[in-house]
Amino acid sequence: MAERFLSVAQVAELLGTTERFPRRLVAERRITFVKVGRHVRIPESALAAFIEANTVQPARRRRSGLRRAV
């Protein structure tokens, strides 16, 4: 299956952000992108890798209980 290349607007929609955020990622070289003339396209796999790398797992819940006074 061929790789899909997404526009900045499509990436922003998928991330639920404004177009400014993916443009900043590109400007700061924090995500892989392809320039086709003056157009910027982001591979779908690069977006998935960015999301995976920036996903924060929930903290483990500690046992709650009263602490003993010393």
PDB file of N, CA and C in Angstrom:
ATOM      1  N   MET A   1       0.841  -1.182   0.000  1.00  0.00           N
ATOM      2  CA  MET A   1       0.000   0.000   0.000  1.00  0.00           C
ATOM      3  C   MET A   1       0.886   1.246   0.000  1.00  0.00           C
ATOM      4  N   ALA A   2       0.523   2.229  -0.771  1.00  0.00           N
ATOM      5  CA  ALA A   2       1.320   3.449  -0.907  1.00  0.00           C
ATOM      6  C   ALA A   2       1.148   4.356   0.303  1.00  0.00           C
ATOM      7  N   GLU A   3       2.197   5.076   0.610  1.00  0.00           N
ATOM      8  CA  GLU A   3       2.191   6.029   1.725  1.00  0.00           C
ATOM      9  C   GLU A   3       1.289   7.213   1.385  1.00  0.00           C
ATOM     10  N   ARG A   4       0.475   7.637   2.344  1.00  0.00           N
ATOM     11  CA  ARG A   4      -0.358   8.834   2.164  1.00  0.00           C
ATOM     12  C   ARG A   4       0.385  10.040   2.702  1.00  0.00           C
ATOM     13  N   PHE A   5       0.328  11.138   1.977  1.00  0.00           N
ATOM     14  CA  PHE A   5       0.939  12.381   2.399  1.00  0.00           C
ATOM     15  C   PHE A   5      -0.173  13.371   2.724  1.00  0.00           C
ATOM     16  N   LEU A   6      -0.111  13.945   3.913  1.00  0.00           N
ATOM     17  CA  LEU A   6      -1.167  14.819   4.394  1.00  0.00           C
ATOM     18  C   LEU A   6      -0.742  16.278   4.329  1.00  0.00           C
ATOM     19  N   SER A   7      -1.700  17.142   4.055  1.00  0.00           N
ATOM     20  CA  SER A   7      -1.424  18.575   4.072  1.00  0.00           C
ATOM     21  C   SER A   7      -1.385  19.051   5.519  1.00  0.00           C
ATOM     22  N   VAL A   8      -0.916  20.250   5.711  1.00  0.00           N
ATOM     23  CA  VAL A   8      -0.855  20.831   7.048  1.00  0.00           C
ATOM     24  C   VAL A   8      -2.267  20.925   7.631  1.00  0.00           C
ATOM     25  N   ALA A   9      -3.229  21.293   6.816  1.00  0.00           N
ATOM     26  CA  ALA A   9      -4.614  21.404   7.279  1.00  0.00           C
ATOM     27  C   ALA A   9      -5.154  20.041   7.718  1.00  0.00           C
ATOM     28  N   GLN A  10      -4.842  18.985   6.980  1.00  0.00           N
ATOM     29  CA  GLN A  10      -5.292  17.642   7.349  1.00  0.00           C
ATOM     30  C   GLN A  10      -4.659  17.191   8.665  1.00  0.00           C
ATOM     31  N   VAL A  11      -3.367  17.470   8.837  1.00  0.00           N
ATOM     32  CA  VAL A  11      -2.678  17.099  10.079  1.00  0.00           C
ATOM     33  C   VAL A  11      -3.283  17.855  11.251  1.00  0.00           C
ATOM     34  N   ALA A  12      -3.549  19.133  11.068  1.00  0.00           N
ATOM     35  CA  ALA A  12      -4.150  19.936  12.128  1.00  0.00           C
ATOM     36  C   ALA A  12      -5.517  19.380  12.507  1.00  0.00           C
ATOM     37  N   GLU A  13      -6.292  18.976  11.532  1.00  0.00           N
ATOM     38  CA  GLU A  13      -7.617  18.411  11.812  1.00  0.00           C
ATOM     39  C   GLU A  13      -7.499  17.093  12.578  1.00  0.00           C
ATOM     40  N   LEU A  14      -6.566  16.235  12.176  1.00  0.00           N
ATOM     41  CA  LEU A  14      -6.385  14.958  12.859  1.00  0.00           C
ATOM     42  C   LEU A  14      -5.910  15.145  14.301  1.00  0.00           C
ATOM     43  N   LEU A  15      -5.074  16.155  14.533  1.00  0.00           N
ATOM     44  CA  LEU A  15      -4.561  16.411  15.872  1.00  0.00           C
ATOM     45  C   LEU A  15      -5.520  17.258  16.712  1.00  0.00           C
ATOM     46  N   GLY A  16      -6.502  17.846  16.050  1.00  0.00           N
ATOM     47  CA  GLY A  16      -7.442  18.701  16.772  1.00  0.00           C
ATOM     48  C   GLY A  16      -6.822  20.032  17.173  1.00  0.00           C
ATOM     49  N   THR A  17      -5.949  20.561  16.323  1.00  0.00           N
ATOM     50  CA  THR A  17      -5.262  21.818  16.603  1.00  0.00           C
ATOM     51  C   THR A  17      -5.491  22.788  15.456  1.00  0.00           C
ATOM     52  N   THR A  18      -4.924  23.967  15.596  1.00  0.00           N
ATOM     53  CA  THR A  18      -4.942  24.913  14.486  1.00  0.00           C
ATOM     54  C   THR A  18      -3.812  24.534  13.526  1.00  0.00           C
ATOM     55  N   GLU A  19      -3.792  25.164  12.354  1.00  0.00           N
ATOM     56  CA  GLU A  19      -2.740  24.877  11.372  1.00  0.00           C
ATOM     57  C   GLU A  19      -1.378  25.386  11.838  1.00  0.00           C
ATOM     58  N   ARG A  20      -1.386  26.288  12.779  1.00  0.00           N
ATOM     59  CA  ARG A  20      -0.129  26.860  13.271  1.00  0.00           C
ATOM     60  C   ARG A  20       0.748  25.795  13.940  1.00  0.00           C
ATOM     61  N   PHE A  21       0.133  24.869  14.667  1.00  0.00           N
ATOM     62  CA  PHE A  21       0.914  23.843  15.383  1.00  0.00           C
ATOM     63  C   PHE A  21       1.704  22.936  14.433  1.00  0.00           C
ATOM     64  N   PRO A  22       1.071  22.301  13.421  1.00  0.00           N
ATOM     65  CA  PRO A  22       1.891  21.487  12.502  1.00  0.00           C
ATOM     66  C   PRO A  22       2.918  22.310  11.732  1.00  0.00           C
ATOM     67  N   ARG A  23       2.587  23.549  11.425  1.00  0.00           N
ATOM     68  CA  ARG A  23       3.579  24.407  10.748  1.00  0.00           C
ATOM     69  C   ARG A  23       4.782  24.646  11.650  1.00  0.00           C
ATOM     70  N   ARG A  24       4.538  24.813  12.955  1.00  0.00           N
ATOM     71  CA  ARG A  24       5.638  24.998  13.896  1.00  0.00           C
ATOM     72  C   ARG A  24       6.478  23.729  14.009  1.00  0.00           C
ATOM     73  N   LEU A  25       5.816  22.557  14.012  1.00  0.00           N
ATOM     74  CA  LEU A  25       6.554  21.289  14.049  1.00  0.00           C
ATOM     75  C   LEU A  25       7.494  21.182  12.853  1.00  0.00           C
ATOM     76  N   VAL A  26       7.009  21.597  11.696  1.00  0.00           N
ATOM     77  CA  VAL A  26       7.826  21.555  10.477  1.00  0.00           C
ATOM     78  C   VAL A  26       8.970  22.561  10.590  1.00  0.00           C
ATOM     79  N   ALA A  27       8.675  23.777  11.023  1.00  0.00           N
ATOM     80  CA  ALA A  27       9.699  24.824  11.114  1.00  0.00           C
ATOM     81  C   ALA A  27      10.800  24.444  12.101  1.00  0.00           C
ATOM     82  N   GLU A  28      10.427  23.763  13.183  1.00  0.00           N
ATOM     83  CA  GLU A  28      11.400  23.350  14.195  1.00  0.00           C
ATOM     84  C   GLU A  28      12.017  21.993  13.882  1.00  0.00           C
ATOM     85  N   ARG A  29      11.651  21.412  12.744  1.00  0.00           N
ATOM     86  CA  ARG A  29      12.163  20.103  12.301  1.00  0.00           C
ATOM     87  C   ARG A  29      11.881  19.015  13.338  1.00  0.00           C
ATOM     88  N   ARG A  30      10.690  19.067  13.969  1.00  0.00           N
ATOM     89  CA  ARG A  30      10.306  18.072  14.972  1.00  0.00           C
ATOM     90  C   ARG A  30       9.486  16.946  14.367  1.00  0.00           C
ATOM     91  N   ILE A  31       9.149  17.047  13.070  1.00  0.00           N
ATOM     92  CA  ILE A  31       8.395  16.001  12.387  1.00  0.00           C
ATOM     93  C   ILE A  31       8.937  15.894  10.961  1.00  0.00           C
ATOM     94  N   THR A  32       8.923  14.688  10.431  1.00  0.00           N
ATOM     95  CA  THR A  32       9.397  14.460   9.066  1.00  0.00           C
ATOM     96  C   THR A  32       8.396  15.052   8.088  1.00  0.00           C
ATOM     97  N   PHE A  33       8.894  15.715   7.059  1.00  0.00           N
ATOM     98  CA  PHE A  33       8.008  16.296   6.052  1.00  0.00           C
ATOM     99  C   PHE A  33       8.672  16.251   4.690  1.00  0.00           C
ATOM    100  N   VAL A  34       7.855  16.467   3.667  1.00  0.00           N
ATOM    101  CA  VAL A  34       8.320  16.468   2.280  1.00  0.00           C
ATOM    102  C   VAL A  34       7.877  17.776   1.653  1.00  0.00           C
ATOM    103  N   LYS A  35       8.773  18.431   0.951  1.00  0.00           N
ATOM    104  CA  LYS A  35       8.397  19.640   0.226  1.00  0.00           C
ATOM    105  C   LYS A  35       8.211  19.280  -1.236  1.00  0.00           C
ATOM    106  N   VAL A  36       7.051  19.631  -1.759  1.00  0.00           N
ATOM    107  CA  VAL A  36       6.746  19.449  -3.173  1.00  0.00           C
ATOM    108  C   VAL A  36       6.535  20.853  -3.719  1.00  0.00           C
ATOM    109  N   GLY A  37       7.586  21.398  -4.317  1.00  0.00           N
ATOM    110  CA  GLY A  37       7.524  22.806  -4.703  1.00  0.00           C
ATOM    111  C   GLY A  37       7.454  23.638  -3.433  1.00  0.00           C
ATOM    112  N   ARG A  38       6.413  24.443  -3.323  1.00  0.00           N
ATOM    113  CA  ARG A  38       6.247  25.244  -2.112  1.00  0.00           C
ATOM    114  C   ARG A  38       5.281  24.606  -1.122  1.00  0.00           C
ATOM    115  N   HIS A  39       4.754  23.454  -1.467  1.00  0.00           N
ATOM    116  CA  HIS A  39       3.801  22.755  -0.613  1.00  0.00           C
ATOM    117  C   HIS A  39       4.522  21.826   0.358  1.00  0.00           C
ATOM    118  N   VAL A  40       4.009  21.759   1.574  1.00  0.00           N
ATOM    119  CA  VAL A  40       4.570  20.882   2.597  1.00  0.00           C
ATOM    120  C   VAL A  40       3.591  19.740   2.814  1.00  0.00           C
ATOM    121  N   ARG A  41       4.113  18.514   2.785  1.00  0.00           N
ATOM    122  CA  ARG A  41       3.288  17.334   3.026  1.00  0.00           C
ATOM    123  C   ARG A  41       3.959  16.496   4.107  1.00  0.00           C
ATOM    124  N   ILE A  42       3.122  15.928   4.970  1.00  0.00           N
ATOM    125  CA  ILE A  42       3.623  15.124   6.084  1.00  0.00           C
ATOM    126  C   ILE A  42       3.162  13.691   5.878  1.00  0.00           C
ATOM    127  N   PRO A  43       4.104  12.734   5.824  1.00  0.00           N
ATOM    128  CA  PRO A  43       3.708  11.333   5.657  1.00  0.00           C
ATOM    129  C   PRO A  43       2.868  10.865   6.839  1.00  0.00           C
ATOM    130  N   GLU A  44       1.865  10.057   6.553  1.00  0.00           N
ATOM    131  CA  GLU A  44       0.996   9.538   7.602  1.00  0.00           C
ATOM    132  C   GLU A  44       1.801   8.756   8.640  1.00  0.00           C
ATOM    133  N   SER A  45       2.819   8.032   8.188  1.00  0.00           N
ATOM    134  CA  SER A  45       3.655   7.257   9.114  1.00  0.00           C
ATOM    135  C   SER A  45       4.441   8.182  10.045  1.00  0.00           C
ATOM    136  N   ALA A  46       4.869   9.343   9.549  1.00  0.00           N
ATOM    137  CA  ALA A  46       5.595  10.300  10.385  1.00  0.00           C
ATOM    138  C   ALA A  46       4.677  10.888  11.450  1.00  0.00           C
ATOM    139  N   LEU A  47       3.418  11.125  11.087  1.00  0.00           N
ATOM    140  CA  LEU A  47       2.457  11.631  12.062  1.00  0.00           C
ATOM    141  C   LEU A  47       2.197  10.585  13.142  1.00  0.00           C
ATOM    142  N   ALA A  48       2.052   9.321  12.734  1.00  0.00           N
ATOM    143  CA  ALA A  48       1.840   8.243  13.707  1.00  0.00           C
ATOM    144  C   ALA A  48       3.048   8.102  14.627  1.00  0.00           C
ATOM    145  N   ALA A  49       4.256   8.225  14.085  1.00  0.00           N
ATOM    146  CA  ALA A  49       5.479   8.130  14.892  1.00  0.00           C
ATOM    147  C   ALA A  49       5.572   9.301  15.867  1.00  0.00           C
ATOM    148  N   PHE A  50       5.184  10.499  15.416  1.00  0.00           N
ATOM    149  CA  PHE A  50       5.204  11.676  16.295  1.00  0.00           C
ATOM    150  C   PHE A  50       4.234  11.491  17.452  1.00  0.00           C
ATOM    151  N   ILE A  51       3.043  11.000  17.149  1.00  0.00           N
ATOM    152  CA  ILE A  51       2.045  10.775  18.195  1.00  0.00           C
ATOM    153  C   ILE A  51       2.542   9.725  19.179  1.00  0.00           C
ATOM    154  N   GLU A  52       3.108   8.641  18.668  1.00  0.00           N
ATOM    155  CA  GLU A  52       3.615   7.566  19.527  1.00  0.00           C
ATOM    156  C   GLU A  52       4.742   8.067  20.430  1.00  0.00           C
ATOM    157  N   ALA A  53       5.647   8.853  19.867  1.00  0.00           N
ATOM    158  CA  ALA A  53       6.792   9.347  20.638  1.00  0.00           C
ATOM    159  C   ALA A  53       6.382  10.344  21.720  1.00  0.00           C
ATOM    160  N   ASN A  54       5.253  11.013  21.530  1.00  0.00           N
ATOM    161  CA  ASN A  54       4.827  12.037  22.476  1.00  0.00           C
ATOM    162  C   ASN A  54       3.645  11.611  23.342  1.00  0.00           C
ATOM    163  N   THR A  55       3.325  10.329  23.303  1.00  0.00           N
ATOM    164  CA  THR A  55       2.247   9.817  24.131  1.00  0.00           C
ATOM    165  C   THR A  55       2.768   9.562  25.541  1.00  0.00           C
ATOM    166  N   VAL A  56       2.060  10.086  26.504  1.00  0.00           N
ATOM    167  CA  VAL A  56       2.447   9.933  27.908  1.00  0.00           C
ATOM    168  C   VAL A  56       1.531   8.903  28.537  1.00  0.00           C
ATOM    169  N   GLN A  57       2.127   7.886  29.123  1.00  0.00           N
ATOM    170  CA  GLN A  57       1.355   6.834  29.782  1.00  0.00           C
ATOM    171  C   GLN A  57       0.898   7.329  31.147  1.00  0.00           C
ATOM    172  N   PRO A  58      -0.267   6.874  31.606  1.00  0.00           N
ATOM    173  CA  PRO A  58      -0.740   7.313  32.922  1.00  0.00           C
ATOM    174  C   PRO A  58       0.164   6.792  34.037  1.00  0.00           C
ATOM    175  N   ALA A  59       0.235   7.577  35.094  1.00  0.00           N
ATOM    176  CA  ALA A  59       1.047   7.184  36.247  1.00  0.00           C
ATOM    177  C   ALA A  59       0.344   6.042  36.967  1.00  0.00           C
ATOM    178  N   ARG A  60       1.148   5.189  37.563  1.00  0.00           N
ATOM    179  CA  ARG A  60       0.562   4.096  38.348  1.00  0.00           C
ATOM    180  C   ARG A  60       0.003   4.673  39.627  1.00  0.00           C
ATOM    181  N   ARG A  61      -1.130   4.201  39.990  1.00  0.00           N
ATOM    182  CA  ARG A  61      -1.775   4.694  41.197  1.00  0.00           C
ATOM    183  C   ARG A  61      -1.085   4.089  42.414  1.00  0.00           C
ATOM    184  N   ARG A  62      -0.732   4.945  43.334  1.00  0.00           N
ATOM    185  CA  ARG A  62      -0.089   4.480  44.557  1.00  0.00           C
ATOM    186  C   ARG A  62      -1.148   4.079  45.558  1.00  0.00           C
ATOM    187  N   ARG A  63      -0.755   3.189  46.426  1.00  0.00           N
ATOM    188  CA  ARG A  63      -1.673   2.785  47.497  1.00  0.00           C
ATOM    189  C   ARG A  63      -1.933   3.983  48.379  1.00  0.00           C
ATOM    190  N   SER A  64      -3.183   4.270  48.549  1.00  0.00           N
ATOM    191  CA  SER A  64      -3.503   5.362  49.457  1.00  0.00           C
ATOM    192  C   SER A  64      -3.753   4.765  50.846  1.00  0.00           C
ATOM    193  N   GLY A  65      -3.317   5.431  51.795  1.00  0.00           N
ATOM    194  CA  GLY A  65      -3.481   4.958  53.160  1.00  0.00           C
ATOM    195  C   GLY A  65      -2.885   5.963  54.117  1.00  0.00           C
ATOM    196  N   LEU A  66      -3.153   5.776  55.327  1.00  0.00           N
ATOM    197  CA  LEU A  66      -2.631   6.695  56.322  1.00  0.00           C
ATOM    198  C   LEU A  66      -1.190   6.348  56.631  1.00  0.00           C
ATOM    199  N   ARG A  67      -0.413   7.363  56.785  1.00  0.00           N
ATOM    200  CA  ARG A  67       0.988   7.143  57.146  1.00  0.00           C
ATOM    201  C   ARG A  67       1.121   7.202  58.663  1.00  0.00           C
ATOM    202  N   ARG A  68       2.012   6.414  59.148  1.00  0.00           N
ATOM    203  CA  ARG A  68       2.225   6.359  60.595  1.00  0.00           C
ATOM    204  C   ARG A  68       3.146   7.488  61.028  1.00  0.00           C
ATOM    205  N   ALA A  69       2.810   8.087  62.135  1.00  0.00           N
ATOM    206  CA  ALA A  69       3.669   9.121  62.701  1.00  0.00           C
ATOM    207  C   ALA A  69       4.845   8.432  63.394  1.00  0.00           C
ATOM    208  N   VAL A  70       6.006   8.992  63.274  1.00  0.00           N
ATOM    209  CA  VAL A  70       7.200   8.400  63.863  1.00  0.00           C
ATOM    210  C   VAL A  70       7.487   9.003  65.192  1.00  0.00           C
TER     211      VAL A  70
END
